[in-house]
C-alpha atoms as a PDB file:
ATOM      1  CA  UNK A   1     202.987 260.780 104.971  1.00  0.00           C
ATOM      2  CA  UNK A   2     201.532 262.687 107.907  1.00  0.00           C
ATOM      3  CA  UNK A   3     204.752 264.653 108.328  1.00  0.00           C
ATOM      4  CA  UNK A   4     204.584 265.797 104.693  1.00  0.00           C
ATOM      5  CA  UNK A   5     200.965 266.900 105.001  1.00  0.00           C
ATOM      6  CA  UNK A   6     201.670 268.811 108.230  1.00  0.00           C
ATOM      7  CA  UNK A   7     204.746 270.520 106.748  1.00  0.00           C
ATOM      8  CA  UNK A   8     202.776 271.453 103.605  1.00  0.00           C
ATOM      9  CA  UNK A   9     200.027 272.968 105.748  1.00  0.00           C
ATOM     10  CA  UNK A  10     202.486 274.918 107.856  1.00  0.00           C
ATOM     11  CA  UNK A  11     204.243 276.179 104.725  1.00  0.00           C
ATOM     12  CA  UNK A  12     200.968 277.375 103.182  1.00  0.00           C
ATOM     13  CA  UNK A  13     200.031 279.040 106.470  1.00  0.00           C
ATOM     14  CA  UNK A  14     203.396 280.854 106.691  1.00  0.00           C
ATOM     15  CA  UNK A  15     203.149 282.007 103.064  1.00  0.00           C
ATOM     16  CA  UNK A  16     199.684 283.322 103.828  1.00  0.00           C
ATOM     17  CA  UNK A  17     201.005 285.309 106.770  1.00  0.00           C
ATOM     18  CA  UNK A  18     203.907 286.657 104.760  1.00  0.00           C
ATOM     19  CA  UNK A  19     201.785 287.510 101.675  1.00  0.00           C
ATOM     20  CA  UNK A  20     201.619 291.290 102.302  1.00  0.00           C
ATOM     21  CA  UNK A  21     205.427 291.395 102.323  1.00  0.00           C
ATOM     22  CA  UNK A  22     205.864 288.894  99.484  1.00  0.00           C
ATOM     23  CA  UNK A  23     203.625 290.782  97.063  1.00  0.00           C
ATOM     24  CA  UNK A  24     206.016 293.774  97.236  1.00  0.00           C
ATOM     25  CA  UNK A  25     208.823 291.636  95.774  1.00  0.00           C
ATOM     26  CA  UNK A  26     208.949 292.247  92.005  1.00  0.00           C
ATOM     27  CA  UNK A  27     208.729 288.576  91.014  1.00  0.00           C
ATOM     28  CA  UNK A  28     207.079 288.276  87.625  1.00  0.00           C
ATOM     29  CA  UNK A  29     208.364 291.717  86.630  1.00  0.00           C
ATOM     30  CA  UNK A  30     212.076 290.963  86.433  1.00  0.00           C
ATOM     31  CA  UNK A  31     214.213 291.786  83.369  1.00  0.00           C
ATOM     32  CA  UNK A  32     214.047 288.813  81.035  1.00  0.00           C
ATOM     33  CA  UNK A  33     210.445 287.930  81.852  1.00  0.00           C
ATOM     34  CA  UNK A  34     208.362 287.829  78.694  1.00  0.00           C
ATOM     35  CA  UNK A  35     205.296 290.095  78.668  1.00  0.00           C
ATOM     36  CA  UNK A  36     203.253 290.738  75.522  1.00  0.00           C
ATOM     37  CA  UNK A  37     200.054 292.707  75.489  1.00  0.00           C
ATOM     38  CA  UNK A  38     197.911 293.399  72.488  1.00  0.00           C
ATOM     39  CA  UNK A  39     194.406 294.738  72.107  1.00  0.00           C
ATOM     40  CA  UNK A  40     192.554 291.564  73.159  1.00  0.00           C
ATOM     41  CA  UNK A  41     195.294 289.333  74.478  1.00  0.00           C
ATOM     42  CA  UNK A  42     197.910 289.376  77.244  1.00  0.00           C
ATOM     43  CA  UNK A  43     200.692 286.794  77.457  1.00  0.00           C
ATOM     44  CA  UNK A  44     202.992 286.604  80.482  1.00  0.00           C
ATOM     45  CA  UNK A  45     205.835 284.085  80.755  1.00  0.00           C
ATOM     46  CA  UNK A  46     208.018 284.817  83.811  1.00  0.00           C
ATOM     47  CA  UNK A  47     211.013 282.696  82.727  1.00  0.00           C
ATOM     48  CA  UNK A  48     213.649 284.527  84.807  1.00  0.00           C
ATOM     49  CA  UNK A  49     211.370 284.454  87.853  1.00  0.00           C
ATOM     50  CA  UNK A  50     210.899 280.688  87.424  1.00  0.00           C
ATOM     51  CA  UNK A  51     214.655 280.143  87.179  1.00  0.00           C
ATOM     52  CA  UNK A  52     215.343 282.201  90.300  1.00  0.00           C
ATOM     53  CA  UNK A  53     212.639 280.428  92.297  1.00  0.00           C
ATOM     54  CA  UNK A  54     213.982 277.084  91.129  1.00  0.00           C
ATOM     55  CA  UNK A  55     217.494 277.960  92.322  1.00  0.00           C
ATOM     56  CA  UNK A  56     216.201 279.208  95.691  1.00  0.00           C
ATOM     57  CA  UNK A  57     214.027 276.130  96.249  1.00  0.00           C
ATOM     58  CA  UNK A  58     216.901 273.815  95.266  1.00  0.00           C
ATOM     59  CA  UNK A  59     219.197 275.452  97.805  1.00  0.00           C
ATOM     60  CA  UNK A  60     216.583 275.413 100.570  1.00  0.00           C
ATOM     61  CA  UNK A  61     215.603 271.792  99.966  1.00  0.00           C
ATOM     62  CA  UNK A  62     219.249 270.684  99.857  1.00  0.00           C
ATOM     63  CA  UNK A  63     219.931 272.455 103.148  1.00  0.00           C
ATOM     64  CA  UNK A  64     216.869 271.151 104.974  1.00  0.00           C
ATOM     65  CA  UNK A  65     216.225 267.920 103.077  1.00  0.00           C
ATOM     66  CA  UNK A  66     216.591 264.515 104.645  1.00  0.00           C
END
């Protein structure tokens, strides 16, 4: 349990350090992401971004998983 909490903290810390670089990546604006904007309403559903992140996380967790 402690190992999981420490790894989660380190991961959040590293993402925080890498945030200036990560925000330049066009996630959420990929072709296939649904974006609808009307006068009083904005709907964003980044389906392609979610699929890509899922694939990346699956690969990383399978490589480094126990």
